[in-house]
């Protein structure tokens, strides 16, 4: 039954700093809201200033008209003192006015307050038939003074912008408070929504990491009906297919060469080239199998063979060998192919000796009471590695005289013995002895071959053999114990 995997939100995909999606969305939306609030604030400030200027212009029209009316008689009479008194009274009455400029028609002018009027402004003042705001950095309003249809001069008034600055400061403060509140609330909302959206993606990423590590039991809960739920559903289907593929791979690996199985499942095709390879071939067959098969039931025969072959397989695999095939009551193993091994002769010998010990430890008896035993033959040499068979059915194996001699070696010994040629023995190294059987005629080989039984002569080699046998009987370990134990020399 599929269960929902509880996986961490963030997986260590690599060492680069992580920047989660929810924070990206939060910062993006927060930035967008901040920009929108800034633009909106500028628009509001501009609109408020236009409104304030319209209000100031309305007030200026009334005040400038009143000042102009008061200055008509003094300006006609040319009384500068009266003009001075009227303007100073106006400045005291209207605090918002900072300066006044009086322009006579003949070119004479009077300046009141802390302000100066340049030539460009003077030209605008003279042309102001009605209340006009002058083009200036300061806030000036001007208007002609007309008496009896005749222009007698003009007056310009500068207003203070402190009122606007105060108003603008209050507006900015309030807008900043409102903007901060909007940004905080929007960020919190977006963080929550982005978290809801990114959580399935985080689970997908973590689940994918588990699958990449070889865990095909992970399943994710499918929630909602959108693109993310579709991706989650497809992820679960993909994991199921990968798990099924791994099961098929394991099954095929029991019947075919693991090298071929790996290439097919990883690359879609097997790329195998025929070649010559130096290997050590091991053959082990049951002693007296014919009589055993005649007296025992088929189910019993299969059970006994499988019981022995299970242990033999673990021993061969532990020492780096590969079970090439089972031939009835015999097993053929190859060392140094497909797994490279510089000491394949030594490891093959230890595997053969361990198999004889394991056979005695199993202690399976025939109906007559005699123990079942296996004889082992070894031979080192060059073989041809290739795909043998018809186009419809191929077997990737090794062939050659080396294989034939290894098969014949087993027939020279008795049950529980490992027989090999002296030429093979010379490659074993220390820790082994050679019990010569003399020169033997080997079928298919022209010259006689010096043959003998291999024995163990030191404690370290015996310890390794005993260790391999013990592990082979520990069914709690995976069948590929070599991968668990590591190098047999360590």
Protein backbone atom coordinates (compact mmCIF):
# COMPACT_ATOMS: atom_id res chain seq x y z
CA UNK A 1 0.00 0.00 0.00
CA UNK A 2 1.36 3.38 -0.96
CA UNK A 3 1.92 5.77 1.91
CA UNK A 4 2.45 9.49 1.87
CA UNK A 5 6.11 10.21 2.44
CA UNK A 6 6.98 12.82 5.05
CA UNK A 7 9.99 14.47 3.47
CA UNK A 8 11.79 17.66 4.52
CA UNK A 9 10.76 20.89 2.85
CA UNK A 10 14.28 21.64 1.72
CA UNK A 11 16.76 19.14 0.30
CA UNK A 12 20.48 19.65 0.03
CA UNK A 13 20.58 19.53 -3.75
CA UNK A 14 23.91 21.31 -3.84
CA UNK A 15 26.11 23.57 -1.75
CA UNK A 16 24.84 26.79 -3.32
CA UNK A 17 22.84 29.13 -1.04
CA UNK A 18 19.13 28.46 -1.29
CA UNK A 19 16.60 31.21 -1.99
CA UNK A 20 13.16 29.65 -1.47
CA UNK A 21 10.33 30.44 -3.86
CA UNK A 22 8.13 31.88 -1.12
CA UNK A 23 10.74 34.51 -0.31
CA UNK A 24 11.20 35.30 -3.99
CA UNK A 25 7.47 35.85 -4.41
CA UNK A 26 7.29 37.87 -1.19
CA UNK A 27 10.14 40.16 -2.21
CA UNK A 28 8.83 40.49 -5.77
CA UNK A 29 5.31 41.39 -4.69
CA UNK A 30 6.61 43.58 -1.87
CA UNK A 31 8.79 45.48 -4.34
CA UNK A 32 5.88 45.81 -6.79
CA UNK A 33 3.59 47.13 -4.05
CA UNK A 34 6.27 49.56 -2.87
CA UNK A 35 6.75 50.89 -6.40
CA UNK A 36 2.99 51.18 -6.88
CA UNK A 37 2.61 53.03 -3.58
CA UNK A 38 5.49 55.37 -4.48
CA UNK A 39 3.98 56.19 -7.88
CA UNK A 40 0.55 56.66 -6.33
CA UNK A 41 2.03 58.92 -3.64
CA UNK A 42 3.74 61.09 -6.25
CA UNK A 43 0.50 61.36 -8.21
CA UNK A 44 -1.44 62.28 -5.06
CA UNK A 45 1.17 64.86 -4.06
CA UNK A 46 1.07 66.38 -7.52
CA UNK A 47 -2.70 66.55 -7.47
CA UNK A 48 -2.71 68.03 -3.98
CA UNK A 49 -0.17 70.68 -5.02
CA UNK A 50 -2.25 71.61 -8.04
CA UNK A 51 -5.28 71.93 -5.79
CA UNK A 52 -3.32 74.01 -3.27
CA UNK A 53 -2.01 76.28 -6.06
CA UNK A 54 -5.55 76.79 -7.34
CA UNK A 55 -6.58 77.72 -3.80
CA UNK A 56 -3.65 80.12 -3.49
CA UNK A 57 -4.44 81.67 -6.86
CA UNK A 58 -8.04 82.26 -5.81
CA UNK A 59 -6.90 83.95 -2.61
CA UNK A 60 -4.25 85.93 -4.48
CA UNK A 61 -6.79 87.22 -6.96
CA UNK A 62 -8.84 88.77 -4.14
CA UNK A 63 -5.85 90.11 -2.19
CA UNK A 64 -3.94 91.43 -5.21
CA UNK A 65 -7.11 93.16 -6.48
CA UNK A 66 -7.57 94.77 -3.07
CA UNK A 67 -3.91 95.88 -2.95
CA UNK A 68 -4.10 97.22 -6.52
CA UNK A 69 -7.20 99.23 -5.73
CA UNK A 70 -5.48 100.74 -2.70
CA UNK A 71 -2.41 101.70 -4.77
CA UNK A 72 -4.23 103.47 -7.66
CA UNK A 73 -4.49 106.96 -6.14
CA UNK A 74 -0.99 107.01 -4.56
CA UNK A 75 0.53 105.84 -7.82
CA UNK A 76 -1.36 108.50 -9.86
CA UNK A 77 -0.21 111.17 -7.49
CA UNK A 78 3.31 109.80 -7.37
CA UNK A 79 3.29 109.59 -3.56
CA UNK A 80 5.92 106.99 -2.76
CA UNK A 81 5.27 107.43 0.98
CA UNK A 82 1.62 106.46 0.64
CA UNK A 83 2.56 103.47 -1.53
CA UNK A 84 5.07 102.44 1.12
CA UNK A 85 2.51 102.73 3.94
CA UNK A 86 -0.15 100.76 2.06
CA UNK A 87 2.24 97.94 1.12
CA UNK A 88 3.68 97.62 4.64
CA UNK A 89 0.18 97.51 6.06
CA UNK A 90 -0.68 94.78 3.55
CA UNK A 91 2.39 92.76 4.53
CA UNK A 92 1.43 92.99 8.20
CA UNK A 93 -2.17 92.07 7.54
CA UNK A 94 -1.40 89.05 5.31
CA UNK A 95 1.41 86.94 6.93
CA UNK A 96 1.45 84.52 4.00
CA UNK A 97 2.86 87.29 1.77
CA UNK A 98 6.64 87.55 1.86
CA UNK A 99 7.32 90.35 -0.67
CA UNK A 100 5.61 92.92 -2.89
CA UNK A 101 6.92 94.50 -6.06
CA UNK A 102 5.32 97.71 -7.40
CA UNK A 103 6.01 98.60 -11.04
CA UNK A 104 5.19 102.07 -12.44
CA UNK A 105 4.28 102.59 -16.08
CA UNK A 106 7.23 104.88 -16.63
CA UNK A 107 9.62 102.13 -15.47
CA UNK A 108 10.10 103.12 -11.86
CA UNK A 109 9.65 100.26 -9.33
CA UNK A 110 9.59 99.71 -5.59
CA UNK A 111 10.61 96.49 -3.80
CA UNK A 112 9.22 95.45 -0.40
CA UNK A 113 10.24 92.36 1.57
CA UNK A 114 13.02 89.81 1.15
CA UNK A 115 12.79 89.05 -2.56
CA UNK A 116 14.16 90.24 -5.87
CA UNK A 117 12.54 90.36 -9.29
CA UNK A 118 14.65 89.64 -12.36
CA UNK A 119 14.21 91.01 -15.88
CA UNK A 120 12.22 88.03 -17.13
CA UNK A 121 9.76 88.45 -14.26
CA UNK A 122 9.49 92.20 -14.90
CA UNK A 123 8.43 91.49 -18.46
CA UNK A 124 5.77 89.05 -17.21
CA UNK A 125 4.52 91.61 -14.64
CA UNK A 126 4.01 94.27 -17.28
CA UNK A 127 2.06 91.85 -19.50
CA UNK A 128 -0.26 90.54 -16.71
CA UNK A 129 -3.67 91.96 -17.72
CA UNK A 130 -5.35 89.78 -15.04
CA UNK A 131 -4.10 87.85 -12.04
CA UNK A 132 -1.24 85.66 -13.34
CA UNK A 133 1.20 83.31 -11.70
CA UNK A 134 4.72 84.20 -12.82
CA UNK A 135 7.11 81.61 -14.18
CA UNK A 136 9.55 81.48 -11.28
CA UNK A 137 11.01 79.23 -8.66
CA UNK A 138 9.03 81.18 -6.08
CA UNK A 139 5.28 81.65 -5.81
CA UNK A 140 4.59 85.06 -7.44
CA UNK A 141 1.23 86.43 -8.60
CA UNK A 142 1.00 89.68 -10.63
CA UNK A 143 -1.66 91.98 -12.12
CA UNK A 144 -1.80 95.33 -13.91
CA UNK A 145 -3.21 98.36 -12.12
CA UNK A 146 -5.67 100.13 -14.40
CA UNK A 147 -7.44 103.44 -13.65
CA UNK A 148 -10.02 104.91 -16.02
CA UNK A 149 -9.03 102.46 -18.74
CA UNK A 150 -5.37 103.49 -18.50
CA UNK A 151 -2.56 101.30 -17.16
CA UNK A 152 -0.75 103.14 -14.44
CA UNK A 153 1.48 100.29 -13.30
CA UNK A 154 1.49 96.71 -11.99
CA UNK A 155 1.88 94.93 -8.70
CA UNK A 156 3.40 91.48 -7.96
CA UNK A 157 3.02 89.56 -4.71
CA UNK A 158 5.15 86.64 -3.49
CA UNK A 159 3.41 84.12 -1.28
CA UNK A 160 5.09 81.79 1.20
CA UNK A 161 5.18 78.04 0.46
CA UNK A 162 5.50 77.03 4.09
CA UNK A 163 1.83 76.14 4.17
CA UNK A 164 2.34 73.75 1.27
CA UNK A 165 5.50 72.30 2.81
CA UNK A 166 3.64 71.63 6.04
CA UNK A 167 0.72 70.10 4.16
CA UNK A 168 3.06 68.01 2.00
CA UNK A 169 4.91 66.77 5.11
CA UNK A 170 1.66 65.65 6.71
CA UNK A 171 0.60 63.96 3.48
CA UNK A 172 3.91 62.16 3.08
CA UNK A 173 3.85 60.97 6.70
CA UNK A 174 0.34 59.59 6.37
CA UNK A 175 1.08 57.99 3.00
CA UNK A 176 4.26 56.36 4.37
CA UNK A 177 2.30 54.92 7.28
CA UNK A 178 -0.41 53.66 4.95
CA UNK A 179 2.16 52.33 2.48
CA UNK A 180 4.09 50.50 5.23
CA UNK A 181 0.88 48.93 6.49
CA UNK A 182 -0.12 47.89 2.96
CA UNK A 183 3.34 46.45 2.20
CA UNK A 184 3.45 44.49 5.48
CA UNK A 185 -0.05 43.08 5.05
CA UNK A 186 0.55 42.32 1.36
CA UNK A 187 3.89 40.63 2.14
CA UNK A 188 2.34 38.50 4.86
CA UNK A 189 -0.50 37.48 2.56
CA UNK A 190 1.86 36.74 -0.34
CA UNK A 191 4.22 34.80 1.93
CA UNK A 192 1.34 32.63 3.09
CA UNK A 193 -0.01 32.11 -0.44
CA UNK A 194 3.49 31.50 -1.85
CA UNK A 195 4.14 29.01 0.94
CA UNK A 196 0.97 27.12 0.04
CA UNK A 197 2.04 27.15 -3.61
CA UNK A 198 5.71 26.30 -3.09
CA UNK A 199 5.20 23.57 -0.49
CA UNK A 200 4.23 20.95 -3.12
CA UNK A 201 7.26 21.97 -5.19
CA UNK A 202 9.51 21.58 -2.15
CA UNK A 203 8.03 18.15 -1.51
CA UNK A 204 8.59 17.25 -5.16
CA UNK A 205 12.23 18.36 -4.98
CA UNK A 206 12.82 16.42 -1.73
CA UNK A 207 11.04 13.36 -3.13
CA UNK A 208 13.11 13.53 -6.31
CA UNK A 209 16.25 13.62 -4.16
CA UNK A 210 15.16 10.44 -2.38
CA UNK A 211 14.43 8.74 -5.69
CA UNK A 212 17.84 9.81 -7.02
CA UNK A 213 19.33 8.11 -3.96
CA UNK A 214 17.60 4.85 -4.88
CA UNK A 215 14.54 5.05 -2.60
CA UNK A 216 11.55 4.08 -4.73
CA UNK A 217 9.10 3.80 -1.83
CA UNK A 218 8.43 7.54 -1.62
CA UNK A 219 4.94 8.69 -2.55
CA UNK A 220 3.53 12.22 -2.36
CA UNK A 221 -0.03 13.22 -1.48
CA UNK A 222 -1.98 14.61 -4.45
CA UNK A 223 -4.03 17.62 -3.40
CA UNK A 224 -6.10 20.01 -5.50
CA UNK A 225 -6.76 20.01 -9.21
CA UNK A 226 -4.15 22.15 -10.90
CA UNK A 227 -0.79 21.94 -12.60
CA UNK A 228 1.02 21.19 -9.32
CA UNK A 229 -1.29 18.28 -8.51
CA UNK A 230 -0.77 16.99 -12.04
CA UNK A 231 3.01 17.14 -11.55
CA UNK A 232 2.70 15.34 -8.20
CA UNK A 233 0.54 12.62 -9.72
CA UNK A 234 2.99 12.16 -12.59
CA UNK A 235 5.85 12.01 -10.07
CA UNK A 236 4.14 9.16 -8.22
CA UNK A 237 3.57 7.34 -11.51
CA UNK A 238 7.21 7.83 -12.45
CA UNK A 239 8.41 6.41 -9.12
CA UNK A 240 6.12 3.40 -9.54
CA UNK A 241 7.57 2.78 -12.98
CA UNK A 242 11.12 3.13 -11.66
CA UNK A 243 10.36 0.71 -8.83
CA UNK A 244 8.88 -1.73 -11.32
CA UNK A 245 11.90 -1.32 -13.57
CA UNK A 246 14.22 -2.01 -10.63
CA UNK A 247 12.27 -5.15 -9.79
CA UNK A 248 12.60 -6.34 -13.39
CA UNK A 249 16.29 -5.50 -13.31
CA UNK A 250 16.78 -7.59 -10.17
CA UNK A 251 14.91 -10.51 -11.74
CA UNK A 252 16.93 -10.36 -14.96
CA UNK A 253 20.11 -10.00 -12.94
CA UNK A 254 19.49 -13.46 -11.52
CA UNK A 255 19.44 -15.01 -14.98
CA UNK A 256 21.74 -12.81 -17.06
CA UNK A 257 25.18 -11.29 -16.75
CA UNK A 258 24.88 -8.24 -14.45
CA UNK A 259 27.07 -6.19 -16.77
CA UNK A 260 24.62 -6.68 -19.62
CA UNK A 261 21.62 -5.99 -17.41
CA UNK A 262 23.15 -2.72 -16.17
CA UNK A 263 23.98 -1.54 -19.68
CA UNK A 264 20.50 -2.35 -20.99
CA UNK A 265 18.66 -0.66 -18.14
CA UNK A 266 20.95 2.36 -17.96
CA UNK A 267 21.65 2.93 -21.65
CA UNK A 268 18.84 1.12 -23.42
CA UNK A 269 21.20 -1.31 -25.21
CA UNK A 270 24.08 -3.63 -24.43
CA UNK A 271 27.42 -2.62 -25.91
CA UNK A 272 29.46 -5.82 -25.75
CA UNK A 273 32.59 -6.46 -27.77
CA UNK A 274 34.23 -9.86 -28.15
CA UNK A 275 37.64 -9.88 -26.50
CA UNK A 276 40.35 -11.97 -24.86
CA UNK A 277 40.61 -11.85 -21.09
CA UNK A 278 42.90 -13.41 -18.49
CA UNK A 279 40.60 -15.05 -15.93
CA UNK A 280 40.38 -17.85 -13.41
CA UNK A 281 37.51 -20.27 -14.02
CA UNK A 282 35.97 -22.29 -11.17
CA UNK A 283 33.80 -25.37 -11.60
CA UNK A 284 32.01 -27.14 -8.75
CA UNK A 285 29.83 -30.20 -9.29
CA UNK A 286 28.09 -32.64 -6.97
CA UNK A 287 29.74 -36.00 -6.33
CA UNK A 288 27.45 -38.91 -7.27
CA UNK A 289 24.67 -36.75 -8.61
CA UNK A 290 23.37 -39.46 -10.94
CA UNK A 291 22.68 -41.93 -8.14
CA UNK A 292 21.23 -39.14 -5.99
CA UNK A 293 18.84 -38.02 -8.71
CA UNK A 294 17.66 -41.59 -9.24
CA UNK A 295 16.83 -42.16 -5.58
CA UNK A 296 15.41 -38.75 -4.64
CA UNK A 297 12.23 -36.91 -5.58
CA UNK A 298 12.53 -34.03 -8.09
CA UNK A 299 11.43 -31.48 -5.51
CA UNK A 300 14.08 -32.74 -3.08
CA UNK A 301 16.78 -32.59 -5.77
CA UNK A 302 15.92 -28.98 -6.64
CA UNK A 303 15.80 -28.01 -2.94
CA UNK A 304 19.19 -29.56 -2.19
CA UNK A 305 20.87 -27.98 -5.22
CA UNK A 306 19.37 -24.54 -4.52
CA UNK A 307 20.42 -24.74 -0.86
CA UNK A 308 24.02 -25.37 -1.87
CA UNK A 309 24.03 -22.92 -4.79
CA UNK A 310 22.65 -20.14 -2.58
CA UNK A 311 25.61 -20.43 -0.24
CA UNK A 312 28.07 -20.92 -3.12
CA UNK A 313 26.79 -17.80 -4.85
CA UNK A 314 27.37 -15.68 -1.74
CA UNK A 315 30.89 -17.02 -1.34
CA UNK A 316 31.79 -16.46 -4.99
CA UNK A 317 30.36 -12.97 -4.91
CA UNK A 318 32.19 -12.18 -1.66
CA UNK A 319 35.53 -13.00 -3.26
CA UNK A 320 34.80 -10.86 -6.34
CA UNK A 321 33.77 -13.62 -8.72
CA UNK A 322 30.77 -13.87 -10.99
CA UNK A 323 28.51 -16.91 -11.36
CA UNK A 324 28.49 -17.41 -15.11
CA UNK A 325 25.98 -20.25 -15.24
CA UNK A 326 24.47 -23.25 -13.53
CA UNK A 327 24.78 -26.51 -15.48
CA UNK A 328 22.57 -29.08 -13.84
CA UNK A 329 24.36 -30.05 -10.63
CA UNK A 330 27.36 -27.84 -11.40
CA UNK A 331 28.14 -24.13 -11.04
CA UNK A 332 30.63 -22.26 -13.21
CA UNK A 333 32.16 -19.03 -11.90
CA UNK A 334 34.59 -16.59 -13.48
CA UNK A 335 37.03 -14.33 -11.63
CA UNK A 336 38.39 -11.12 -13.19
CA UNK A 337 35.35 -10.78 -15.44
CA UNK A 338 33.20 -8.73 -15.52
CA UNK A 339 34.63 -7.50 -12.20
CA UNK A 340 38.32 -6.72 -12.59
CA UNK A 341 40.51 -8.30 -9.94
CA UNK A 342 44.31 -8.23 -9.91
CA UNK A 343 44.44 -11.25 -7.56
CA UNK A 344 41.72 -13.30 -9.21
CA UNK A 345 43.69 -16.59 -8.91
CA UNK A 346 44.08 -16.16 -5.16
CA UNK A 347 40.44 -15.17 -4.63
CA UNK A 348 39.16 -18.02 -6.79
CA UNK A 349 41.15 -20.50 -4.70
CA UNK A 350 39.82 -19.10 -1.44
CA UNK A 351 36.29 -19.23 -2.88
CA UNK A 352 36.73 -22.91 -3.85
CA UNK A 353 38.05 -23.83 -0.41
CA UNK A 354 35.26 -21.87 1.30
CA UNK A 355 32.69 -23.72 -0.82
CA UNK A 356 34.00 -27.11 0.39
CA UNK A 357 33.84 -25.90 4.00
CA UNK A 358 30.31 -24.57 3.45
CA UNK A 359 29.25 -27.87 1.93
CA UNK A 360 30.39 -29.72 5.06
CA UNK A 361 28.67 -27.13 7.25
CA UNK A 362 25.39 -27.63 5.40
CA UNK A 363 25.65 -31.35 6.22
CA UNK A 364 22.95 -32.53 3.80
CA UNK A 365 22.77 -36.34 3.75
CA UNK A 366 21.69 -38.74 1.08
CA UNK A 367 19.11 -41.42 1.82
CA UNK A 368 21.95 -43.83 2.40
CA UNK A 369 23.35 -41.57 5.10
CA UNK A 370 26.40 -40.33 3.19
CA UNK A 371 26.96 -36.55 3.14
CA UNK A 372 26.53 -34.66 -0.10
CA UNK A 373 29.81 -33.17 -1.28
CA UNK A 374 31.10 -31.10 -4.17
CA UNK A 375 34.44 -31.27 -5.96
CA UNK A 376 35.99 -28.06 -7.21
CA UNK A 377 38.29 -27.46 -10.16
CA UNK A 378 40.23 -24.28 -10.96
CA UNK A 379 42.22 -23.11 -13.96
CA UNK A 380 43.82 -19.82 -14.92
CA UNK A 381 44.28 -18.69 -18.50
CA UNK A 382 43.04 -16.68 -21.44
CA UNK A 383 39.43 -17.01 -22.55
CA UNK A 384 37.26 -15.49 -25.25
CA UNK A 385 34.57 -13.22 -23.89
CA UNK A 386 31.56 -12.74 -26.13
CA UNK A 387 27.92 -13.37 -26.95
CA UNK A 388 27.41 -17.00 -27.95
CA UNK A 389 24.24 -18.40 -29.50
CA UNK A 390 21.62 -17.58 -32.12
CA UNK A 391 20.18 -14.20 -32.97
CA UNK A 392 17.00 -15.07 -31.04
CA UNK A 393 18.83 -16.32 -27.93
CA UNK A 394 22.31 -15.23 -26.88
CA UNK A 395 24.43 -15.99 -23.86
CA UNK A 396 27.19 -13.64 -22.77
CA UNK A 397 29.88 -15.98 -21.44
CA UNK A 398 33.50 -17.13 -21.67
CA UNK A 399 34.77 -19.98 -23.82
CA UNK A 400 38.12 -21.60 -24.59
CA UNK A 401 40.55 -24.28 -23.45
CA UNK A 402 40.88 -22.58 -20.06
CA UNK A 403 37.19 -23.28 -19.38
CA UNK A 404 37.46 -26.90 -20.54
CA UNK A 405 40.52 -27.58 -18.40
CA UNK A 406 38.85 -26.05 -15.34
CA UNK A 407 35.89 -28.40 -15.87
CA UNK A 408 38.21 -31.43 -16.15
CA UNK A 409 40.14 -30.42 -13.02
CA UNK A 410 37.09 -30.90 -10.85
CA UNK A 411 36.73 -34.47 -12.07
CA UNK A 412 40.25 -35.34 -10.85
CA UNK A 413 39.48 -34.79 -7.21
CA UNK A 414 37.25 -36.27 -4.57
CA UNK A 415 34.45 -34.57 -2.73
CA UNK A 416 35.61 -31.60 -0.63
CA UNK A 417 38.82 -31.07 -2.64
CA UNK A 418 39.95 -28.16 -4.79
CA UNK A 419 42.12 -29.29 -7.72
CA UNK A 420 44.15 -26.97 -9.95
CA UNK A 421 47.19 -27.02 -12.18
CA UNK A 422 50.64 -26.19 -10.89
CA UNK A 423 50.74 -23.27 -13.37
CA UNK A 424 47.66 -21.81 -11.69
CA UNK A 425 49.03 -22.50 -8.20
CA UNK A 426 52.14 -20.41 -8.93
CA UNK A 427 49.94 -17.28 -9.10
CA UNK A 428 48.25 -17.79 -5.72
CA UNK A 429 50.85 -16.17 -3.53
CA UNK A 430 51.59 -16.94 0.10
CA UNK A 431 49.25 -18.84 2.38
CA UNK A 432 48.59 -21.83 0.14
CA UNK A 433 50.11 -25.28 -0.25
CA UNK A 434 50.15 -27.62 -3.23
CA UNK A 435 49.53 -31.34 -2.76
CA UNK A 436 50.74 -32.76 -6.04
CA UNK A 437 48.73 -35.47 -7.82
CA UNK A 438 51.33 -35.87 -10.54
CA UNK A 439 50.96 -35.21 -14.23
CA UNK A 440 47.53 -36.00 -15.62
CA UNK A 441 46.13 -36.44 -19.07
CA UNK A 442 43.45 -33.86 -19.65
CA UNK A 443 40.94 -34.51 -22.40
CA UNK A 444 41.44 -32.05 -25.22
CA UNK A 445 44.97 -31.10 -24.08
CA UNK A 446 47.97 -32.60 -25.88
CA UNK A 447 50.54 -32.49 -23.10
CA UNK A 448 50.11 -33.77 -19.57
CA UNK A 449 49.46 -31.18 -16.87
CA UNK A 450 50.93 -31.19 -13.38
CA UNK A 451 47.88 -31.15 -11.10
CA UNK A 452 47.37 -31.03 -7.35
CA UNK A 453 45.13 -30.17 -4.46
CA UNK A 454 45.35 -26.68 -3.00
CA UNK A 455 45.55 -26.41 0.78
CA UNK A 456 45.70 -23.59 3.32
CA UNK A 457 48.95 -23.25 5.28
CA UNK A 458 48.57 -20.01 7.29
CA UNK A 459 46.04 -18.67 9.81
CA UNK A 460 45.32 -15.39 8.01
CA UNK A 461 44.14 -17.11 4.83
CA UNK A 462 42.10 -19.58 6.88
CA UNK A 463 40.53 -16.68 8.79
CA UNK A 464 39.38 -15.05 5.56
CA UNK A 465 37.88 -18.29 4.31
CA UNK A 466 36.05 -18.87 7.59
CA UNK A 467 34.80 -15.31 7.55
CA UNK A 468 33.37 -15.74 4.04
CA UNK A 469 31.61 -18.97 5.06
CA UNK A 470 30.10 -17.32 8.14
CA UNK A 471 28.76 -14.44 6.06
CA UNK A 472 27.37 -16.81 3.44
CA UNK A 473 25.19 -18.44 6.12
CA UNK A 474 23.99 -15.08 7.50
CA UNK A 475 20.71 -14.71 5.59
CA UNK A 476 20.08 -11.31 7.16
CA UNK A 477 22.67 -9.83 4.81
CA UNK A 478 21.92 -8.96 1.18
CA UNK A 479 22.89 -11.60 -1.34
CA UNK A 480 25.56 -9.28 -2.77
CA UNK A 481 27.67 -9.42 0.37
CA UNK A 482 30.81 -8.33 -1.45
CA UNK A 483 29.44 -4.81 -1.73
CA UNK A 484 28.78 -4.76 2.00
CA UNK A 485 32.06 -6.23 3.17
CA UNK A 486 34.36 -4.48 0.71
CA UNK A 487 37.79 -5.67 -0.27
CA UNK A 488 38.57 -9.11 1.11
CA UNK A 489 42.13 -8.08 1.85
CA UNK A 490 41.12 -5.39 4.32
